[in-house]
Amino acid sequence: MTLPTYFISHGGGPWPWLQKEMPGMDLLAASLQAIPQQIGVTPKAILVSSGHWEEQDFTVMSSAAPPMLYDYSGFPEHTYHIKYSAPGAPQVAHRVQELLENAGFQTKSDPLRGFDHGVFAPLFVAYPEANVPIL
């Protein structure tokens, strides 16, 4: 089954945990909350290309339990303790690397890379149960 591809705005920093401090995100929240219904099935995994992670070669996050990466500054202390415990997808990561390499791209695997706010902020809103593997 082919699932859709989305270009998703991640909003500003850890906005889902700052509703009072960052009002005006209702439209973004509603669009993210609608994704599971639009897809209609629970994905095997979600592949995210984050604008907050740059490498020379295609690099795939391959941890089974990705840590959190608080790649922002100046926000309230509690936003540096957010947990989004979605599992990783090492087997899917391996397949992504395989496909990229078969297409002629050099790739790397990074088992230490965690979820940056471009990943965990929107996916927390779309999948708050953190029950879909993410890479």
C-alpha atoms as a PDB file:
ATOM      1  CA  MET A   1       0.000   0.000   0.000  1.00  0.00           C
ATOM      2  CA  THR A   2       1.346   3.396  -0.967  1.00  0.00           C
ATOM      3  CA  LEU A   3       0.826   6.103   1.631  1.00  0.00           C
ATOM      4  CA  PRO A   4       0.868   9.860   1.022  1.00  0.00           C
ATOM      5  CA  THR A   5       3.830  12.158   1.477  1.00  0.00           C
ATOM      6  CA  TYR A   6       3.353  15.296   3.566  1.00  0.00           C
ATOM      7  CA  PHE A   7       5.336  18.501   3.831  1.00  0.00           C
ATOM      8  CA  ILE A   8       4.771  19.441   7.448  1.00  0.00           C
ATOM      9  CA  SER A   9       5.545  22.690   9.190  1.00  0.00           C
ATOM     10  CA  HIS A  10       6.892  22.014  12.642  1.00  0.00           C
ATOM     11  CA  GLY A  11       5.832  25.398  13.992  1.00  0.00           C
ATOM     12  CA  GLY A  12       8.189  27.191  16.341  1.00  0.00           C
ATOM     13  CA  GLY A  13      10.351  25.245  18.758  1.00  0.00           C
ATOM     14  CA  PRO A  14       8.400  23.061  21.193  1.00  0.00           C
ATOM     15  CA  TRP A  15       5.090  24.866  20.544  1.00  0.00           C
ATOM     16  CA  PRO A  16       2.721  22.016  21.507  1.00  0.00           C
ATOM     17  CA  TRP A  17       3.967  22.377  25.092  1.00  0.00           C
ATOM     18  CA  LEU A  18       3.621  26.176  25.009  1.00  0.00           C
ATOM     19  CA  GLN A  19      -0.007  26.737  23.997  1.00  0.00           C
ATOM     20  CA  LYS A  20      -0.414  29.844  26.212  1.00  0.00           C
ATOM     21  CA  GLU A  21       2.944  31.345  25.279  1.00  0.00           C
ATOM     22  CA  MET A  22       2.565  30.628  21.553  1.00  0.00           C
ATOM     23  CA  PRO A  23      -1.077  31.123  20.575  1.00  0.00           C
ATOM     24  CA  GLY A  24      -2.203  30.966  16.981  1.00  0.00           C
ATOM     25  CA  MET A  25      -1.160  27.405  16.210  1.00  0.00           C
ATOM     26  CA  ASP A  26      -4.714  26.031  16.008  1.00  0.00           C
ATOM     27  CA  LEU A  27      -4.716  25.622  12.223  1.00  0.00           C
ATOM     28  CA  LEU A  28      -1.378  23.799  12.273  1.00  0.00           C
ATOM     29  CA  ALA A  29      -2.554  21.581  15.147  1.00  0.00           C
ATOM     30  CA  ALA A  30      -5.788  20.729  13.335  1.00  0.00           C
ATOM     31  CA  SER A  31      -3.928  19.837  10.125  1.00  0.00           C
ATOM     32  CA  LEU A  32      -1.545  17.561  12.039  1.00  0.00           C
ATOM     33  CA  GLN A  33      -4.350  15.910  14.002  1.00  0.00           C
ATOM     34  CA  ALA A  34      -6.130  15.152  10.712  1.00  0.00           C
ATOM     35  CA  ILE A  35      -3.235  13.149   9.248  1.00  0.00           C
ATOM     36  CA  PRO A  36      -4.086   9.774  10.845  1.00  0.00           C
ATOM     37  CA  GLN A  37      -7.671  10.007   9.586  1.00  0.00           C
ATOM     38  CA  GLN A  38      -6.513  11.072   6.116  1.00  0.00           C
ATOM     39  CA  ILE A  39      -4.165   8.108   5.874  1.00  0.00           C
ATOM     40  CA  GLY A  40      -6.763   5.717   7.247  1.00  0.00           C
ATOM     41  CA  VAL A  41      -4.277   3.099   8.482  1.00  0.00           C
ATOM     42  CA  THR A  42      -1.514   3.067  11.049  1.00  0.00           C
ATOM     43  CA  PRO A  43       1.768   3.328   9.124  1.00  0.00           C
ATOM     44  CA  LYS A  44       4.446   0.672   9.597  1.00  0.00           C
ATOM     45  CA  ALA A  45       6.852   3.588  10.144  1.00  0.00           C
ATOM     46  CA  ILE A  46       7.161   7.284   9.408  1.00  0.00           C
ATOM     47  CA  LEU A  47      10.203   8.482   7.479  1.00  0.00           C
ATOM     48  CA  VAL A  48      10.974  12.124   8.280  1.00  0.00           C
ATOM     49  CA  SER A  49      13.450  14.357   6.529  1.00  0.00           C
ATOM     50  CA  SER A  50      14.178  17.061   9.095  1.00  0.00           C
ATOM     51  CA  GLY A  51      15.531  20.439   8.100  1.00  0.00           C
ATOM     52  CA  HIS A  52      17.304  20.483  11.469  1.00  0.00           C
ATOM     53  CA  TRP A  53      19.685  17.679  10.582  1.00  0.00           C
ATOM     54  CA  GLU A  54      22.364  18.292   7.989  1.00  0.00           C
ATOM     55  CA  GLU A  55      25.068  15.838   6.945  1.00  0.00           C
ATOM     56  CA  GLN A  56      27.387  15.606   3.957  1.00  0.00           C
ATOM     57  CA  ASP A  57      25.907  12.236   2.933  1.00  0.00           C
ATOM     58  CA  PHE A  58      22.393  10.872   3.319  1.00  0.00           C
ATOM     59  CA  THR A  59      22.355   9.744   6.942  1.00  0.00           C
ATOM     60  CA  VAL A  60      19.604   7.609   8.408  1.00  0.00           C
ATOM     61  CA  MET A  61      18.669   7.532  12.086  1.00  0.00           C
ATOM     62  CA  SER A  62      18.851   3.848  12.998  1.00  0.00           C
ATOM     63  CA  SER A  63      18.239   3.655  16.748  1.00  0.00           C
ATOM     64  CA  ALA A  64      15.533   1.334  18.056  1.00  0.00           C
ATOM     65  CA  ALA A  65      14.865   3.854  20.849  1.00  0.00           C
ATOM     66  CA  PRO A  66      15.860   7.328  19.642  1.00  0.00           C
ATOM     67  CA  PRO A  67      16.764   9.832  22.360  1.00  0.00           C
ATOM     68  CA  MET A  68      15.480  13.390  22.494  1.00  0.00           C
ATOM     69  CA  LEU A  69      17.495  16.232  20.972  1.00  0.00           C
ATOM     70  CA  TYR A  70      16.561  19.647  22.342  1.00  0.00           C
ATOM     71  CA  ASP A  71      17.919  21.697  19.454  1.00  0.00           C
ATOM     72  CA  TYR A  72      16.504  25.044  20.524  1.00  0.00           C
ATOM     73  CA  SER A  73      17.279  27.673  23.127  1.00  0.00           C
ATOM     74  CA  GLY A  74      15.552  30.303  25.190  1.00  0.00           C
ATOM     75  CA  PHE A  75      12.432  28.280  26.007  1.00  0.00           C
ATOM     76  CA  PRO A  76      11.090  27.455  29.495  1.00  0.00           C
ATOM     77  CA  GLU A  77      12.974  24.777  31.440  1.00  0.00           C
ATOM     78  CA  HIS A  78      10.178  22.196  31.150  1.00  0.00           C
ATOM     79  CA  THR A  79      10.630  22.113  27.371  1.00  0.00           C
ATOM     80  CA  TYR A  80      14.074  20.570  27.862  1.00  0.00           C
ATOM     81  CA  HIS A  81      12.497  17.556  29.567  1.00  0.00           C
ATOM     82  CA  ILE A  82       9.877  16.695  26.934  1.00  0.00           C
ATOM     83  CA  LYS A  83       9.709  13.006  26.136  1.00  0.00           C
ATOM     84  CA  TYR A  84       8.315  11.573  22.923  1.00  0.00           C
ATOM     85  CA  SER A  85       8.891   7.866  23.239  1.00  0.00           C
ATOM     86  CA  ALA A  86       8.030   6.674  19.740  1.00  0.00           C
ATOM     87  CA  PRO A  87      10.223   3.752  18.759  1.00  0.00           C
ATOM     88  CA  GLY A  88      12.735   3.914  15.967  1.00  0.00           C
ATOM     89  CA  ALA A  89      12.675   1.607  12.960  1.00  0.00           C
ATOM     90  CA  PRO A  90      16.142   0.071  12.447  1.00  0.00           C
ATOM     91  CA  GLN A  91      14.965  -2.428   9.824  1.00  0.00           C
ATOM     92  CA  VAL A  92      13.225   0.280   7.830  1.00  0.00           C
ATOM     93  CA  ALA A  93      16.327   2.475   8.226  1.00  0.00           C
ATOM     94  CA  HIS A  94      18.428  -0.311   6.733  1.00  0.00           C
ATOM     95  CA  ARG A  95      15.993  -0.597   3.804  1.00  0.00           C
ATOM     96  CA  VAL A  96      16.089   3.180   3.237  1.00  0.00           C
ATOM     97  CA  GLN A  97      19.882   3.035   3.076  1.00  0.00           C
ATOM     98  CA  GLU A  98      19.731   0.103   0.692  1.00  0.00           C
ATOM     99  CA  LEU A  99      17.362   1.947  -1.649  1.00  0.00           C
ATOM    100  CA  LEU A 100      19.473   5.107  -1.595  1.00  0.00           C
ATOM    101  CA  GLU A 101      22.674   3.171  -2.252  1.00  0.00           C
ATOM    102  CA  ASN A 102      21.037   1.261  -5.117  1.00  0.00           C
ATOM    103  CA  ALA A 103      20.171   4.659  -6.591  1.00  0.00           C
ATOM    104  CA  GLY A 104      23.836   5.688  -6.449  1.00  0.00           C
ATOM    105  CA  PHE A 105      23.926   7.732  -3.234  1.00  0.00           C
ATOM    106  CA  GLN A 106      26.438   7.316  -0.448  1.00  0.00           C
ATOM    107  CA  THR A 107      24.751   6.776   2.902  1.00  0.00           C
ATOM    108  CA  LYS A 108      25.569   6.486   6.570  1.00  0.00           C
ATOM    109  CA  SER A 109      23.675   5.152   9.546  1.00  0.00           C
ATOM    110  CA  ASP A 110      23.530   7.052  12.832  1.00  0.00           C
ATOM    111  CA  PRO A 111      22.379   4.932  15.804  1.00  0.00           C
ATOM    112  CA  LEU A 112      22.867   7.861  18.231  1.00  0.00           C
ATOM    113  CA  ARG A 113      20.801  10.557  16.530  1.00  0.00           C
ATOM    114  CA  GLY A 114      17.619  11.511  18.345  1.00  0.00           C
ATOM    115  CA  PHE A 115      14.347  13.247  17.597  1.00  0.00           C
ATOM    116  CA  ASP A 116      14.881  16.973  17.025  1.00  0.00           C
ATOM    117  CA  HIS A 117      12.002  19.412  17.447  1.00  0.00           C
ATOM    118  CA  GLY A 118      11.312  19.309  13.694  1.00  0.00           C
ATOM    119  CA  VAL A 119      10.359  15.669  14.287  1.00  0.00           C
ATOM    120  CA  PHE A 120       8.903  15.399  17.772  1.00  0.00           C
ATOM    121  CA  ALA A 121       6.813  18.590  17.853  1.00  0.00           C
ATOM    122  CA  PRO A 122       4.551  17.838  14.860  1.00  0.00           C
ATOM    123  CA  LEU A 123       4.459  14.083  15.392  1.00  0.00           C
ATOM    124  CA  PHE A 124       3.442  14.526  19.025  1.00  0.00           C
ATOM    125  CA  VAL A 125       0.384  16.386  17.742  1.00  0.00           C
ATOM    126  CA  ALA A 126      -0.369  13.890  14.954  1.00  0.00           C
ATOM    127  CA  TYR A 127       0.441  10.729  16.944  1.00  0.00           C
ATOM    128  CA  PRO A 128       0.351  11.660  20.642  1.00  0.00           C
ATOM    129  CA  GLU A 129       0.391   7.992  21.702  1.00  0.00           C
ATOM    130  CA  ALA A 130       3.904   7.703  20.166  1.00  0.00           C
ATOM    131  CA  ASN A 131       2.855   4.318  18.795  1.00  0.00           C
ATOM    132  CA  VAL A 132       4.269   4.613  15.269  1.00  0.00           C
ATOM    133  CA  PRO A 133       7.978   3.953  14.666  1.00  0.00           C
ATOM    134  CA  ILE A 134       9.850   7.004  13.357  1.00  0.00           C
ATOM    135  CA  LEU A 135      13.114   7.348  11.500  1.00  0.00           C
END
